[in-house]
């Protein structure tokens, strides 16, 4: 019963699943960060435009 759990194929599949989970979490964090940076940039540009610095 322990033999199938210690085979290299099972460990390889588990390592692949872990890598996929880490990639998904990293992508979700990157998307959230990009959205926040975009909102901040839009606010800054709107402020500069309102002041007349850009136009």
PDB file of N, CA and C in Angstrom:
ATOM      1  N   UNK A   1       0.825  -1.209   0.000  1.00  0.00           N
ATOM      2  CA  UNK A   1       0.000   0.000   0.000  1.00  0.00           C
ATOM      3  C   UNK A   1       0.861   1.261   0.000  1.00  0.00           C
ATOM      4  N   UNK A   2       1.999   1.215   0.653  1.00  0.00           N
ATOM      5  CA  UNK A   2       2.874   2.380   0.681  1.00  0.00           C
ATOM      6  C   UNK A   2       3.649   2.503  -0.625  1.00  0.00           C
ATOM      7  N   UNK A   3       3.829   1.399  -1.309  1.00  0.00           N
ATOM      8  CA  UNK A   3       4.615   1.393  -2.543  1.00  0.00           C
ATOM      9  C   UNK A   3       4.101   2.383  -3.601  1.00  0.00           C
ATOM     10  N   UNK A   4       2.798   2.425  -3.904  1.00  0.00           N
ATOM     11  CA  UNK A   4       2.350   3.389  -4.928  1.00  0.00           C
ATOM     12  C   UNK A   4       2.534   4.845  -4.504  1.00  0.00           C
ATOM     13  N   UNK A   5       2.488   5.108  -3.220  1.00  0.00           N
ATOM     14  CA  UNK A   5       2.619   6.483  -2.742  1.00  0.00           C
ATOM     15  C   UNK A   5       4.041   7.001  -2.863  1.00  0.00           C
ATOM     16  N   UNK A   6       4.999   6.099  -2.860  1.00  0.00           N
ATOM     17  CA  UNK A   6       6.392   6.533  -2.916  1.00  0.00           C
ATOM     18  C   UNK A   6       6.973   6.434  -4.318  1.00  0.00           C
ATOM     19  N   UNK A   7       6.167   6.072  -5.297  1.00  0.00           N
ATOM     20  CA  UNK A   7       6.684   5.974  -6.664  1.00  0.00           C
ATOM     21  C   UNK A   7       6.996   7.366  -7.196  1.00  0.00           C
ATOM     22  N   UNK A   8       7.922   7.432  -8.114  1.00  0.00           N
ATOM     23  CA  UNK A   8       8.344   8.727  -8.638  1.00  0.00           C
ATOM     24  C   UNK A   8       7.256   9.387  -9.476  1.00  0.00           C
ATOM     25  N   UNK A   9       6.381   8.581 -10.081  1.00  0.00           N
ATOM     26  CA  UNK A   9       5.311   9.163 -10.899  1.00  0.00           C
ATOM     27  C   UNK A   9       4.349   9.966 -10.037  1.00  0.00           C
ATOM     28  N   UNK A  10       3.990   9.409  -8.884  1.00  0.00           N
ATOM     29  CA  UNK A  10       3.067  10.114  -7.996  1.00  0.00           C
ATOM     30  C   UNK A  10       3.703  11.393  -7.475  1.00  0.00           C
ATOM     31  N   UNK A  11       4.960  11.328  -7.112  1.00  0.00           N
ATOM     32  CA  UNK A  11       5.656  12.521  -6.626  1.00  0.00           C
ATOM     33  C   UNK A  11       5.772  13.571  -7.722  1.00  0.00           C
ATOM     34  N   UNK A  12       5.989  13.108  -8.955  1.00  0.00           N
ATOM     35  CA  UNK A  12       6.084  14.039 -10.080  1.00  0.00           C
ATOM     36  C   UNK A  12       4.745  14.730 -10.327  1.00  0.00           C
ATOM     37  N   UNK A  13       3.660  13.998 -10.237  1.00  0.00           N
ATOM     38  CA  UNK A  13       2.330  14.578 -10.416  1.00  0.00           C
ATOM     39  C   UNK A  13       2.036  15.575  -9.299  1.00  0.00           C
ATOM     40  N   UNK A  14       2.372  15.209  -8.063  1.00  0.00           N
ATOM     41  CA  UNK A  14       2.149  16.124  -6.942  1.00  0.00           C
ATOM     42  C   UNK A  14       2.977  17.395  -7.093  1.00  0.00           C
ATOM     43  N   UNK A  15       4.217  17.250  -7.542  1.00  0.00           N
ATOM     44  CA  UNK A  15       5.067  18.423  -7.753  1.00  0.00           C
ATOM     45  C   UNK A  15       4.481  19.309  -8.847  1.00  0.00           C
ATOM     46  N   UNK A  16       3.930  18.697  -9.881  1.00  0.00           N
ATOM     47  CA  UNK A  16       3.289  19.466 -10.942  1.00  0.00           C
ATOM     48  C   UNK A  16       2.072  20.215 -10.446  1.00  0.00           C
ATOM     49  N   UNK A  17       1.267  19.571  -9.600  1.00  0.00           N
ATOM     50  CA  UNK A  17       0.084  20.233  -9.045  1.00  0.00           C
ATOM     51  C   UNK A  17       0.472  21.401  -8.149  1.00  0.00           C
ATOM     52  N   UNK A  18       1.517  21.219  -7.368  1.00  0.00           N
ATOM     53  CA  UNK A  18       1.991  22.301  -6.499  1.00  0.00           C
ATOM     54  C   UNK A  18       2.497  23.466  -7.340  1.00  0.00           C
ATOM     55  N   UNK A  19       3.233  23.171  -8.390  1.00  0.00           N
ATOM     56  CA  UNK A  19       3.737  24.232  -9.263  1.00  0.00           C
ATOM     57  C   UNK A  19       2.584  24.980  -9.924  1.00  0.00           C
ATOM     58  N   UNK A  20       1.553  24.257 -10.331  1.00  0.00           N
ATOM     59  CA  UNK A  20       0.387  24.890 -10.937  1.00  0.00           C
ATOM     60  C   UNK A  20      -0.335  25.784  -9.938  1.00  0.00           C
ATOM     61  N   UNK A  21      -0.483  25.311  -8.708  1.00  0.00           N
ATOM     62  CA  UNK A  21      -1.151  26.103  -7.674  1.00  0.00           C
ATOM     63  C   UNK A  21      -0.365  27.379  -7.375  1.00  0.00           C
ATOM     64  N   UNK A  22       0.943  27.267  -7.293  1.00  0.00           N
ATOM     65  CA  UNK A  22       1.782  28.442  -7.029  1.00  0.00           C
ATOM     66  C   UNK A  22       1.675  29.431  -8.182  1.00  0.00           C
ATOM     67  N   UNK A  23       1.660  28.937  -9.411  1.00  0.00           N
ATOM     68  CA  UNK A  23       1.546  29.823 -10.565  1.00  0.00           C
ATOM     69  C   UNK A  23       0.203  30.544 -10.568  1.00  0.00           C
ATOM     70  N   UNK A  24      -0.869  29.843 -10.234  1.00  0.00           N
ATOM     71  CA  UNK A  24      -2.189  30.468 -10.210  1.00  0.00           C
ATOM     72  C   UNK A  24      -2.252  31.561  -9.154  1.00  0.00           C
ATOM     73  N   UNK A  25      -1.720  31.281  -7.977  1.00  0.00           N
ATOM     74  CA  UNK A  25      -1.719  32.291  -6.908  1.00  0.00           C
ATOM     75  C   UNK A  25      -0.879  33.494  -7.313  1.00  0.00           C
ATOM     76  N   UNK A  26       0.270  33.251  -7.918  1.00  0.00           N
ATOM     77  CA  UNK A  26       1.140  34.360  -8.341  1.00  0.00           C
ATOM     78  C   UNK A  26       0.465  35.217  -9.404  1.00  0.00           C
ATOM     79  N   UNK A  27      -0.236  34.575 -10.336  1.00  0.00           N
ATOM     80  CA  UNK A  27      -0.923  35.330 -11.382  1.00  0.00           C
ATOM     81  C   UNK A  27      -2.052  36.164 -10.794  1.00  0.00           C
ATOM     82  N   UNK A  28      -2.786  35.592  -9.839  1.00  0.00           N
ATOM     83  CA  UNK A  28      -3.878  36.348  -9.215  1.00  0.00           C
ATOM     84  C   UNK A  28      -3.349  37.558  -8.467  1.00  0.00           C
ATOM     85  N   UNK A  29      -2.227  37.402  -7.758  1.00  0.00           N
ATOM     86  CA  UNK A  29      -1.629  38.529  -7.042  1.00  0.00           C
ATOM     87  C   UNK A  29      -1.141  39.583  -8.035  1.00  0.00           C
ATOM     88  N   UNK A  30      -0.538  39.144  -9.135  1.00  0.00           N
ATOM     89  CA  UNK A  30      -0.039  40.088 -10.139  1.00  0.00           C
ATOM     90  C   UNK A  30      -1.180  40.873 -10.773  1.00  0.00           C
ATOM     91  N   UNK A  31      -2.302  40.211 -11.029  1.00  0.00           N
ATOM     92  CA  UNK A  31      -3.444  40.907 -11.627  1.00  0.00           C
ATOM     93  C   UNK A  31      -3.990  41.953 -10.654  1.00  0.00           C
ATOM     94  N   UNK A  32      -4.131  41.582  -9.383  1.00  0.00           N
ATOM     95  CA  UNK A  32      -4.629  42.542  -8.391  1.00  0.00           C
ATOM     96  C   UNK A  32      -3.691  43.741  -8.276  1.00  0.00           C
ATOM     97  N   UNK A  33      -2.395  43.483  -8.280  1.00  0.00           N
ATOM     98  CA  UNK A  33      -1.415  44.559  -8.176  1.00  0.00           C
ATOM     99  C   UNK A  33      -1.467  45.462  -9.402  1.00  0.00           C
ATOM    100  N   UNK A  34      -1.601  44.871 -10.581  1.00  0.00           N
ATOM    101  CA  UNK A  34      -1.668  45.664 -11.812  1.00  0.00           C
ATOM    102  C   UNK A  34      -2.907  46.544 -11.829  1.00  0.00           C
ATOM    103  N   UNK A  35      -4.020  46.027 -11.336  1.00  0.00           N
ATOM    104  CA  UNK A  35      -5.247  46.825 -11.287  1.00  0.00           C
ATOM    105  C   UNK A  35      -5.077  48.005 -10.345  1.00  0.00           C
ATOM    106  N   UNK A  36      -4.483  47.756  -9.188  1.00  0.00           N
ATOM    107  CA  UNK A  36      -4.284  48.844  -8.226  1.00  0.00           C
ATOM    108  C   UNK A  36      -3.339  49.902  -8.777  1.00  0.00           C
ATOM    109  N   UNK A  37      -2.269  49.480  -9.426  1.00  0.00           N
ATOM    110  CA  UNK A  37      -1.325  50.438 -10.013  1.00  0.00           C
ATOM    111  C   UNK A  37      -2.010  51.237 -11.116  1.00  0.00           C
ATOM    112  N   UNK A  38      -2.854  50.574 -11.904  1.00  0.00           N
ATOM    113  CA  UNK A  38      -3.586  51.266 -12.963  1.00  0.00           C
ATOM    114  C   UNK A  38      -4.532  52.312 -12.419  1.00  0.00           C
ATOM    115  N   UNK A  39      -5.214  51.990 -11.327  1.00  0.00           N
ATOM    116  CA  UNK A  39      -6.134  52.952 -10.716  1.00  0.00           C
ATOM    117  C   UNK A  39      -5.369  54.153 -10.175  1.00  0.00           C
ATOM    118  N   UNK A  40      -4.252  53.893  -9.506  1.00  0.00           N
ATOM    119  CA  UNK A  40      -3.438  54.996  -8.974  1.00  0.00           C
ATOM    120  C   UNK A  40      -2.913  55.864 -10.105  1.00  0.00           C
ATOM    121  N   UNK A  41      -2.446  55.237 -11.183  1.00  0.00           N
ATOM    122  CA  UNK A  41      -1.939  56.009 -12.323  1.00  0.00           C
ATOM    123  C   UNK A  41      -3.051  56.851 -12.945  1.00  0.00           C
ATOM    124  N   UNK A  42      -4.259  56.303 -13.041  1.00  0.00           N
ATOM    125  CA  UNK A  42      -5.380  57.063 -13.611  1.00  0.00           C
ATOM    126  C   UNK A  42      -5.724  58.264 -12.743  1.00  0.00           C
ATOM    127  N   UNK A  43      -5.699  58.084 -11.438  1.00  0.00           N
ATOM    128  CA  UNK A  43      -5.996  59.194 -10.531  1.00  0.00           C
ATOM    129  C   UNK A  43      -4.932  60.277 -10.646  1.00  0.00           C
ATOM    130  N   UNK A  44      -3.679  59.873 -10.710  1.00  0.00           N
ATOM    131  CA  UNK A  44      -2.588  60.842 -10.824  1.00  0.00           C
ATOM    132  C   UNK A  44      -2.689  61.606 -12.148  1.00  0.00           C
ATOM    133  N   UNK A  45      -2.937  60.879 -13.240  1.00  0.00           N
ATOM    134  CA  UNK A  45      -3.060  61.552 -14.528  1.00  0.00           C
ATOM    135  C   UNK A  45      -4.263  62.489 -14.568  1.00  0.00           C
ATOM    136  N   UNK A  46      -5.370  62.076 -13.951  1.00  0.00           N
ATOM    137  CA  UNK A  46      -6.545  62.946 -13.903  1.00  0.00           C
ATOM    138  C   UNK A  46      -6.234  64.210 -13.101  1.00  0.00           C
ATOM    139  N   UNK A  47      -5.512  64.051 -12.008  1.00  0.00           N
ATOM    140  CA  UNK A  47      -5.121  65.211 -11.207  1.00  0.00           C
ATOM    141  C   UNK A  47      -4.215  66.143 -11.968  1.00  0.00           C
ATOM    142  N   UNK A  48      -3.243  65.606 -12.682  1.00  0.00           N
ATOM    143  CA  UNK A  48      -2.338  66.439 -13.459  1.00  0.00           C
ATOM    144  C   UNK A  48      -3.087  67.149 -14.591  1.00  0.00           C
ATOM    145  N   UNK A  49      -4.031  66.442 -15.199  1.00  0.00           N
ATOM    146  CA  UNK A  49      -4.817  67.063 -16.267  1.00  0.00           C
ATOM    147  C   UNK A  49      -5.708  68.184 -15.732  1.00  0.00           C
ATOM    148  N   UNK A  50      -6.268  67.946 -14.550  1.00  0.00           N
ATOM    149  CA  UNK A  50      -7.141  68.958 -13.928  1.00  0.00           C
ATOM    150  C   UNK A  50      -6.351  70.223 -13.594  1.00  0.00           C
ATOM    151  N   UNK A  51      -5.144  70.048 -13.115  1.00  0.00           N
ATOM    152  CA  UNK A  51      -4.307  71.194 -12.759  1.00  0.00           C
ATOM    153  C   UNK A  51      -3.854  71.936 -14.010  1.00  0.00           C
ATOM    154  N   UNK A  52      -3.833  71.252 -15.132  1.00  0.00           N
ATOM    155  CA  UNK A  52      -3.385  71.884 -16.365  1.00  0.00           C
ATOM    156  C   UNK A  52      -1.959  71.562 -16.727  1.00  0.00           C
ATOM    157  N   UNK A  53      -1.355  70.636 -16.027  1.00  0.00           N
ATOM    158  CA  UNK A  53       0.045  70.294 -16.259  1.00  0.00           C
ATOM    159  C   UNK A  53       0.208  69.511 -17.554  1.00  0.00           C
ATOM    160  N   UNK A  54      -0.780  68.710 -17.933  1.00  0.00           N
ATOM    161  CA  UNK A  54      -0.655  67.887 -19.136  1.00  0.00           C
ATOM    162  C   UNK A  54      -1.225  68.563 -20.377  1.00  0.00           C
ATOM    163  N   UNK A  55      -2.182  69.427 -20.201  1.00  0.00           N
ATOM    164  CA  UNK A  55      -2.853  69.990 -21.366  1.00  0.00           C
ATOM    165  C   UNK A  55      -2.325  71.330 -21.683  1.00  0.00           C
TER     166      UNK A  55
END
